[in-house]
Amino acid sequence: MITVNLRYKGTNGSAKAFAEAMISSGTVDLIRSEPGNMRYEYYQALDDPETILLIDSWADQAAIDAHHASPMMATIAALREKYDLHMTVERYVSLEDNEADRRFIRK
């Protein structure tokens, strides 16, 4: 699995308004229904109301590539422009389940 953390930074509540527009327009539901999408969730930090974090996980690179080629990317780009957002991106590749790490995880 590949997880991408995108931080959207705006001013005057624009990052939150962007996330709300993504949800209310149905774009988030469409992305979640794409083959290979495993997670697409927005979060807001308690100490930084002008930044929204998107956690976006995909089964593999092919699923990400298909998403990037989809018509939804034009919608996302237009909303980013509308709300004048700036982004930082971090990308993580999940490792197989690790027996040693399980003892630290409370379920």
C-alpha atoms as a PDB file:
ATOM      1  CA  MET A   1       0.000   0.000   0.000  1.00  0.00           C
ATOM      2  CA  ILE A   2       1.152   3.539  -0.762  1.00  0.00           C
ATOM      3  CA  THR A   3       0.020   6.383   1.477  1.00  0.00           C
ATOM      4  CA  VAL A   4       0.360  10.023   0.517  1.00  0.00           C
ATOM      5  CA  ASN A   5      -0.030  12.756   3.130  1.00  0.00           C
ATOM      6  CA  LEU A   6      -0.930  16.075   1.538  1.00  0.00           C
ATOM      7  CA  ARG A   7      -1.027  19.196   3.675  1.00  0.00           C
ATOM      8  CA  TYR A   8      -3.143  21.963   2.198  1.00  0.00           C
ATOM      9  CA  LYS A   9      -2.218  25.383   3.589  1.00  0.00           C
ATOM     10  CA  GLY A  10      -4.446  28.406   3.093  1.00  0.00           C
ATOM     11  CA  THR A  11      -5.631  31.564   4.795  1.00  0.00           C
ATOM     12  CA  ASN A  12      -8.884  32.669   6.387  1.00  0.00           C
ATOM     13  CA  GLY A  13     -10.306  29.144   6.489  1.00  0.00           C
ATOM     14  CA  SER A  14      -9.701  28.419   2.800  1.00  0.00           C
ATOM     15  CA  ALA A  15      -8.145  24.982   3.364  1.00  0.00           C
ATOM     16  CA  LYS A  16     -11.154  23.843   5.380  1.00  0.00           C
ATOM     17  CA  ALA A  17     -13.512  25.338   2.771  1.00  0.00           C
ATOM     18  CA  PHE A  18     -11.634  23.368   0.083  1.00  0.00           C
ATOM     19  CA  ALA A  19     -12.078  20.087   1.969  1.00  0.00           C
ATOM     20  CA  GLU A  20     -15.764  20.854   2.549  1.00  0.00           C
ATOM     21  CA  ALA A  21     -16.210  21.588  -1.180  1.00  0.00           C
ATOM     22  CA  MET A  22     -14.487  18.316  -2.078  1.00  0.00           C
ATOM     23  CA  ILE A  23     -16.919  16.452   0.178  1.00  0.00           C
ATOM     24  CA  SER A  24     -20.114  18.326  -0.733  1.00  0.00           C
ATOM     25  CA  SER A  25     -19.425  18.113  -4.486  1.00  0.00           C
ATOM     26  CA  GLY A  26     -19.275  14.316  -4.279  1.00  0.00           C
ATOM     27  CA  THR A  27     -15.660  14.267  -5.462  1.00  0.00           C
ATOM     28  CA  VAL A  28     -14.465  12.527  -2.303  1.00  0.00           C
ATOM     29  CA  ASP A  29     -17.051   9.757  -2.728  1.00  0.00           C
ATOM     30  CA  LEU A  30     -15.988   9.301  -6.357  1.00  0.00           C
ATOM     31  CA  ILE A  31     -12.330   9.045  -5.364  1.00  0.00           C
ATOM     32  CA  ARG A  32     -13.124   6.554  -2.603  1.00  0.00           C
ATOM     33  CA  SER A  33     -14.929   4.384  -5.153  1.00  0.00           C
ATOM     34  CA  GLU A  34     -11.977   4.290  -7.551  1.00  0.00           C
ATOM     35  CA  PRO A  35     -10.293   0.890  -7.935  1.00  0.00           C
ATOM     36  CA  GLY A  36      -7.382   0.615  -5.540  1.00  0.00           C
ATOM     37  CA  ASN A  37      -8.350   3.490  -3.241  1.00  0.00           C
ATOM     38  CA  MET A  38      -8.062   2.353   0.346  1.00  0.00           C
ATOM     39  CA  ARG A  39      -8.370   5.632   2.249  1.00  0.00           C
ATOM     40  CA  TYR A  40      -9.205   9.250   1.501  1.00  0.00           C
ATOM     41  CA  GLU A  41      -9.736  11.311   4.649  1.00  0.00           C
ATOM     42  CA  TYR A  42      -9.296  14.950   5.657  1.00  0.00           C
ATOM     43  CA  TYR A  43      -8.105  16.080   9.104  1.00  0.00           C
ATOM     44  CA  GLN A  44      -7.510  19.432  10.767  1.00  0.00           C
ATOM     45  CA  ALA A  45      -4.771  19.954  13.337  1.00  0.00           C
ATOM     46  CA  LEU A  46      -5.927  21.393  16.647  1.00  0.00           C
ATOM     47  CA  ASP A  47      -3.011  23.830  16.706  1.00  0.00           C
ATOM     48  CA  ASP A  48      -3.088  24.889  13.020  1.00  0.00           C
ATOM     49  CA  PRO A  49      -6.576  25.760  11.735  1.00  0.00           C
ATOM     50  CA  GLU A  50      -5.180  26.988   8.391  1.00  0.00           C
ATOM     51  CA  THR A  51      -3.848  23.565   7.387  1.00  0.00           C
ATOM     52  CA  ILE A  52      -5.848  20.512   6.349  1.00  0.00           C
ATOM     53  CA  LEU A  53      -4.190  17.105   6.126  1.00  0.00           C
ATOM     54  CA  LEU A  54      -5.364  14.613   3.504  1.00  0.00           C
ATOM     55  CA  ILE A  55      -4.405  10.991   4.093  1.00  0.00           C
ATOM     56  CA  ASP A  56      -4.733   9.264   0.734  1.00  0.00           C
ATOM     57  CA  SER A  57      -3.896   5.523   0.462  1.00  0.00           C
ATOM     58  CA  TRP A  58      -3.801   3.326  -2.630  1.00  0.00           C
ATOM     59  CA  ALA A  59      -3.221  -0.366  -3.243  1.00  0.00           C
ATOM     60  CA  ASP A  60      -0.299   0.304  -5.597  1.00  0.00           C
ATOM     61  CA  GLN A  61       1.306   2.778  -7.996  1.00  0.00           C
ATOM     62  CA  ALA A  62      -0.958   1.699 -10.872  1.00  0.00           C
ATOM     63  CA  ALA A  63      -4.018   2.778  -8.865  1.00  0.00           C
ATOM     64  CA  ILE A  64      -2.419   6.170  -8.158  1.00  0.00           C
ATOM     65  CA  ASP A  65      -1.531   6.591 -11.829  1.00  0.00           C
ATOM     66  CA  ALA A  66      -5.123   5.803 -12.859  1.00  0.00           C
ATOM     67  CA  HIS A  67      -6.412   8.330 -10.315  1.00  0.00           C
ATOM     68  CA  HIS A  68      -4.024  11.000 -11.597  1.00  0.00           C
ATOM     69  CA  ALA A  69      -5.273  10.347 -15.150  1.00  0.00           C
ATOM     70  CA  SER A  70      -8.942  10.598 -14.122  1.00  0.00           C
ATOM     71  CA  PRO A  71     -11.217  13.595 -14.785  1.00  0.00           C
ATOM     72  CA  MET A  72     -11.388  14.212 -11.027  1.00  0.00           C
ATOM     73  CA  MET A  73      -7.894  15.689 -11.101  1.00  0.00           C
ATOM     74  CA  ALA A  74      -9.226  18.692 -13.059  1.00  0.00           C
ATOM     75  CA  THR A  75     -11.886  19.211 -10.382  1.00  0.00           C
ATOM     76  CA  ILE A  76      -9.295  18.985  -7.610  1.00  0.00           C
ATOM     77  CA  ALA A  77      -6.920  21.370  -9.407  1.00  0.00           C
ATOM     78  CA  ALA A  78      -9.708  23.913  -9.982  1.00  0.00           C
ATOM     79  CA  LEU A  79     -10.682  23.832  -6.309  1.00  0.00           C
ATOM     80  CA  ARG A  80      -7.058  24.211  -5.225  1.00  0.00           C
ATOM     81  CA  GLU A  81      -6.812  27.312  -7.402  1.00  0.00           C
ATOM     82  CA  LYS A  82     -10.158  28.678  -6.222  1.00  0.00           C
ATOM     83  CA  TYR A  83      -9.067  28.464  -2.595  1.00  0.00           C
ATOM     84  CA  ASP A  84      -5.450  29.524  -3.345  1.00  0.00           C
ATOM     85  CA  LEU A  85      -3.908  26.573  -1.514  1.00  0.00           C
ATOM     86  CA  HIS A  86      -0.277  25.597  -1.223  1.00  0.00           C
ATOM     87  CA  MET A  87       0.742  22.007  -0.585  1.00  0.00           C
ATOM     88  CA  THR A  88       3.423  19.824   0.909  1.00  0.00           C
ATOM     89  CA  VAL A  89       3.496  16.113   0.169  1.00  0.00           C
ATOM     90  CA  GLU A  90       4.931  13.082   1.953  1.00  0.00           C
ATOM     91  CA  ARG A  91       4.791   9.580   0.510  1.00  0.00           C
ATOM     92  CA  TYR A  92       5.039   6.299   2.433  1.00  0.00           C
ATOM     93  CA  VAL A  93       5.151   2.685   1.292  1.00  0.00           C
ATOM     94  CA  SER A  94       3.730   0.235   3.815  1.00  0.00           C
ATOM     95  CA  LEU A  95       5.827  -2.687   4.923  1.00  0.00           C
ATOM     96  CA  GLU A  96       4.432  -6.117   5.515  1.00  0.00           C
ATOM     97  CA  ASP A  97       2.904  -6.750   8.928  1.00  0.00           C
ATOM     98  CA  ASN A  98       5.726  -6.896  11.449  1.00  0.00           C
ATOM     99  CA  GLU A  99       5.341  -9.317  14.365  1.00  0.00           C
ATOM    100  CA  ALA A 100       7.700  -7.255  16.541  1.00  0.00           C
ATOM    101  CA  ASP A 101       5.590  -4.113  16.131  1.00  0.00           C
ATOM    102  CA  ARG A 102       2.305  -5.798  17.102  1.00  0.00           C
ATOM    103  CA  ARG A 103       3.097  -5.634  20.815  1.00  0.00           C
ATOM    104  CA  PHE A 104       3.003  -1.817  20.635  1.00  0.00           C
ATOM    105  CA  ILE A 105      -0.392  -1.607  18.931  1.00  0.00           C
ATOM    106  CA  ARG A 106      -3.527  -1.621  21.031  1.00  0.00           C
ATOM    107  CA  LYS A 107      -6.622  -2.678  19.120  1.00  0.00           C
END
